[in-house]
């Protein structure tokens, strides 16, 4: 099957647990509200949100399986006992030239790049800061956090455009870096 051409760009925000992906995406979404050239689709996840920063809709695991089997997912994956979906509606946004930014697993980057024009944003942060953020989320016990932090990250593909953003300092710095990148990608789409 030949890859379809879209005038927009799908920005895949990735990074190890605790780097602040959802926080940076929420900040960028807030700053770009009202700009029709950007889209921040909600993921569907088989877990209820546990904080205001987790911007997703909840589905049951059976609903997840049904949506995937019906082809209603642009991207889907399973991790940590949960199912995740990026809805197929992103294709409408890509078709009209929008920059579409979403939090995904590194495991689906290659699949996404086979379907869509992709730019990867790899968020990084120091281990101690990640541990603190994970503890503050309150979703996992200390042993779970330790195991999560000990996992080796999946290597990023080398043939896909990638930007690394450090989220070690003030959140506003990381948000600005992400917003600047999204605006730059939109400018390239319009050229």
Protein backbone atom coordinates (compact mmCIF):
# COMPACT_ATOMS: atom_id res chain seq x y z
CA UNK A 1 0.00 0.00 0.00
CA UNK A 2 1.36 3.41 -0.98
CA UNK A 3 1.66 6.10 1.67
CA UNK A 4 -0.94 8.83 1.26
CA UNK A 5 0.34 12.40 0.99
CA UNK A 6 -0.88 14.91 3.55
CA UNK A 7 -0.03 18.63 3.66
CA UNK A 8 0.02 18.61 7.49
CA UNK A 9 2.52 17.17 9.94
CA UNK A 10 1.95 14.64 12.72
CA UNK A 11 4.13 15.52 15.71
CA UNK A 12 4.76 12.48 17.88
CA UNK A 13 5.72 13.55 21.39
CA UNK A 14 7.68 10.79 23.12
CA UNK A 15 9.90 10.39 26.15
CA UNK A 16 10.47 8.28 29.21
CA UNK A 17 7.96 8.28 32.05
CA UNK A 18 8.09 11.46 34.10
CA UNK A 19 9.69 13.75 31.53
CA UNK A 20 6.55 15.92 31.37
CA UNK A 21 5.07 15.09 27.97
CA UNK A 22 1.46 15.80 29.01
CA UNK A 23 2.47 19.01 30.80
CA UNK A 24 4.32 20.38 27.77
CA UNK A 25 1.50 19.41 25.42
CA UNK A 26 -1.09 21.05 27.71
CA UNK A 27 0.99 24.22 27.86
CA UNK A 28 1.43 24.32 24.09
CA UNK A 29 -2.28 23.68 23.55
CA UNK A 30 -3.14 26.57 25.88
CA UNK A 31 -0.77 28.94 24.09
CA UNK A 32 -2.02 27.95 20.64
CA UNK A 33 -5.73 27.97 21.47
CA UNK A 34 -7.57 29.90 18.79
CA UNK A 35 -4.95 29.14 16.12
CA UNK A 36 -6.73 26.95 13.60
CA UNK A 37 -3.46 25.56 12.22
CA UNK A 38 -2.82 23.33 15.24
CA UNK A 39 -4.58 20.29 16.63
CA UNK A 40 -4.07 18.44 19.91
CA UNK A 41 -6.28 15.34 19.64
CA UNK A 42 -7.36 13.49 22.76
CA UNK A 43 -6.10 9.96 23.08
CA UNK A 44 -8.48 7.20 24.02
CA UNK A 45 -7.06 5.23 26.95
CA UNK A 46 -8.38 2.28 28.92
CA UNK A 47 -7.86 4.20 32.18
CA UNK A 48 -9.61 7.14 33.79
CA UNK A 49 -7.56 10.37 33.97
CA UNK A 50 -6.00 10.88 37.39
CA UNK A 51 -5.00 14.52 36.94
CA UNK A 52 -6.02 17.61 35.00
CA UNK A 53 -2.93 17.23 32.79
CA UNK A 54 -4.04 13.82 31.51
CA UNK A 55 -6.16 14.98 28.61
CA UNK A 56 -7.71 11.79 27.29
CA UNK A 57 -11.06 10.11 26.94
CA UNK A 58 -11.64 6.80 28.69
CA UNK A 59 -12.77 3.63 26.92
CA UNK A 60 -13.14 0.10 28.20
CA UNK A 61 -10.71 -2.51 26.94
CA UNK A 62 -13.52 -4.12 24.89
CA UNK A 63 -14.31 -0.72 23.34
CA UNK A 64 -10.61 -0.28 22.60
CA UNK A 65 -10.45 -3.65 20.82
CA UNK A 66 -13.62 -2.86 18.88
CA UNK A 67 -12.34 0.53 17.69
CA UNK A 68 -9.04 -0.96 16.58
CA UNK A 69 -10.71 -3.86 14.74
CA UNK A 70 -13.13 -1.46 12.97
CA UNK A 71 -10.26 0.71 11.72
CA UNK A 72 -11.30 3.72 13.82
CA UNK A 73 -7.77 4.21 15.13
CA UNK A 74 -5.09 6.09 13.23
CA UNK A 75 -2.59 4.64 15.70
CA UNK A 76 -2.99 2.17 18.53
CA UNK A 77 -0.76 0.38 21.00
CA UNK A 78 -0.75 -1.38 24.33
CA UNK A 79 1.61 -0.62 27.21
CA UNK A 80 1.61 -1.25 30.97
CA UNK A 81 -1.63 -3.22 30.70
CA UNK A 82 -3.48 -0.36 29.00
CA UNK A 83 -4.73 0.25 25.46
CA UNK A 84 -4.15 3.58 23.70
CA UNK A 85 -5.69 5.04 20.53
CA UNK A 86 -5.02 8.15 18.50
CA UNK A 87 -8.33 8.61 16.66
CA UNK A 88 -8.54 8.41 12.88
CA UNK A 89 -9.99 11.94 12.87
CA UNK A 90 -6.40 13.24 12.85
CA UNK A 91 -6.39 12.48 9.13
CA UNK A 92 -8.94 15.28 8.58
CA UNK A 93 -6.60 17.74 10.31
CA UNK A 94 -3.56 16.52 8.37
CA UNK A 95 -5.55 16.76 5.14
CA UNK A 96 -6.13 20.50 5.68
CA UNK A 97 -2.49 21.15 6.57
CA UNK A 98 -2.60 21.29 10.36
CA UNK A 99 0.21 20.43 12.71
CA UNK A 100 -1.20 17.63 14.88
CA UNK A 101 0.64 17.00 18.16
CA UNK A 102 0.05 14.01 20.43
CA UNK A 103 1.69 11.91 23.13
CA UNK A 104 2.50 8.42 21.87
CA UNK A 105 4.66 5.40 22.57
CA UNK A 106 8.02 5.10 20.82
CA UNK A 107 6.88 1.64 19.67
CA UNK A 108 4.50 3.09 17.07
CA UNK A 109 6.80 5.70 15.49
CA UNK A 110 7.73 3.54 12.50
CA UNK A 111 4.08 2.58 11.90
CA UNK A 112 3.04 6.25 12.08
CA UNK A 113 5.82 7.28 9.68
CA UNK A 114 4.62 4.67 7.19
CA UNK A 115 1.19 6.35 7.14
CA UNK A 116 1.75 10.05 7.82
CA UNK A 117 4.32 12.86 7.53
CA UNK A 118 5.92 12.62 10.97
CA UNK A 119 8.20 14.73 13.15
CA UNK A 120 9.26 13.21 16.48
CA UNK A 121 9.75 15.33 19.60
CA UNK A 122 11.79 13.50 22.22
CA UNK A 123 11.29 15.06 25.66
CA UNK A 124 14.14 14.39 28.11
CA UNK A 125 14.65 15.13 31.81
CA UNK A 126 17.10 14.12 34.53
CA UNK A 127 16.41 10.88 36.39
CA UNK A 128 15.92 12.52 39.82
CA UNK A 129 13.39 14.96 38.42
CA UNK A 130 11.52 12.16 36.63
CA UNK A 131 11.36 10.17 39.89
CA UNK A 132 9.92 13.17 41.73
CA UNK A 133 7.31 13.79 39.03
CA UNK A 134 6.24 10.14 38.99
CA UNK A 135 5.89 10.13 42.78
CA UNK A 136 3.83 13.34 42.65
CA UNK A 137 1.44 11.77 40.11
CA UNK A 138 0.39 9.29 42.78
CA UNK A 139 -0.51 6.51 40.33
CA UNK A 140 2.19 4.03 41.32
CA UNK A 141 3.96 2.76 44.40
CA UNK A 142 7.69 3.20 44.98
CA UNK A 143 8.61 -0.23 43.55
CA UNK A 144 6.63 0.43 40.36
CA UNK A 145 8.30 3.81 39.95
CA UNK A 146 11.75 2.28 40.47
CA UNK A 147 11.05 -0.37 37.81
CA UNK A 148 9.70 2.24 35.42
CA UNK A 149 12.78 4.42 35.83
CA UNK A 150 15.11 1.42 35.34
CA UNK A 151 13.65 0.51 31.95
CA UNK A 152 15.86 1.21 28.97
CA UNK A 153 14.12 3.51 26.51
CA UNK A 154 13.38 2.16 23.06
CA UNK A 155 15.79 3.64 20.52
CA UNK A 156 14.36 6.26 18.19
CA UNK A 157 14.47 5.63 14.44
CA UNK A 158 17.36 7.50 12.85
CA UNK A 159 15.60 8.13 9.53
CA UNK A 160 12.73 10.25 10.89
CA UNK A 161 13.07 13.98 11.66
CA UNK A 162 13.51 14.36 15.42
CA UNK A 163 13.89 17.28 17.82
CA UNK A 164 14.98 16.83 21.44
CA UNK A 165 13.54 19.15 24.09
CA UNK A 166 14.97 19.24 27.59
CA UNK A 167 12.38 19.61 30.35
CA UNK A 168 14.76 19.91 33.29
CA UNK A 169 14.10 23.53 34.16
CA UNK A 170 11.01 25.67 34.46
CA UNK A 171 8.03 24.23 32.61
CA UNK A 172 7.56 27.47 30.65
CA UNK A 173 10.96 26.93 28.96
CA UNK A 174 10.00 23.48 27.71
CA UNK A 175 6.57 24.74 26.62
CA UNK A 176 8.17 27.59 24.66
CA UNK A 177 10.54 25.17 22.93
CA UNK A 178 7.60 22.96 21.91
CA UNK A 179 5.46 25.90 20.74
CA UNK A 180 8.37 27.31 18.73
CA UNK A 181 8.88 23.95 17.03
CA UNK A 182 5.17 23.54 16.22
CA UNK A 183 5.01 27.05 14.75
CA UNK A 184 8.14 26.33 12.70
CA UNK A 185 6.63 23.13 11.33
CA UNK A 186 3.43 24.97 10.41
CA UNK A 187 5.46 27.60 8.58
CA UNK A 188 7.19 24.82 6.61
CA UNK A 189 3.80 23.28 5.76
CA UNK A 190 2.67 26.57 4.25
CA UNK A 191 5.74 26.99 2.03
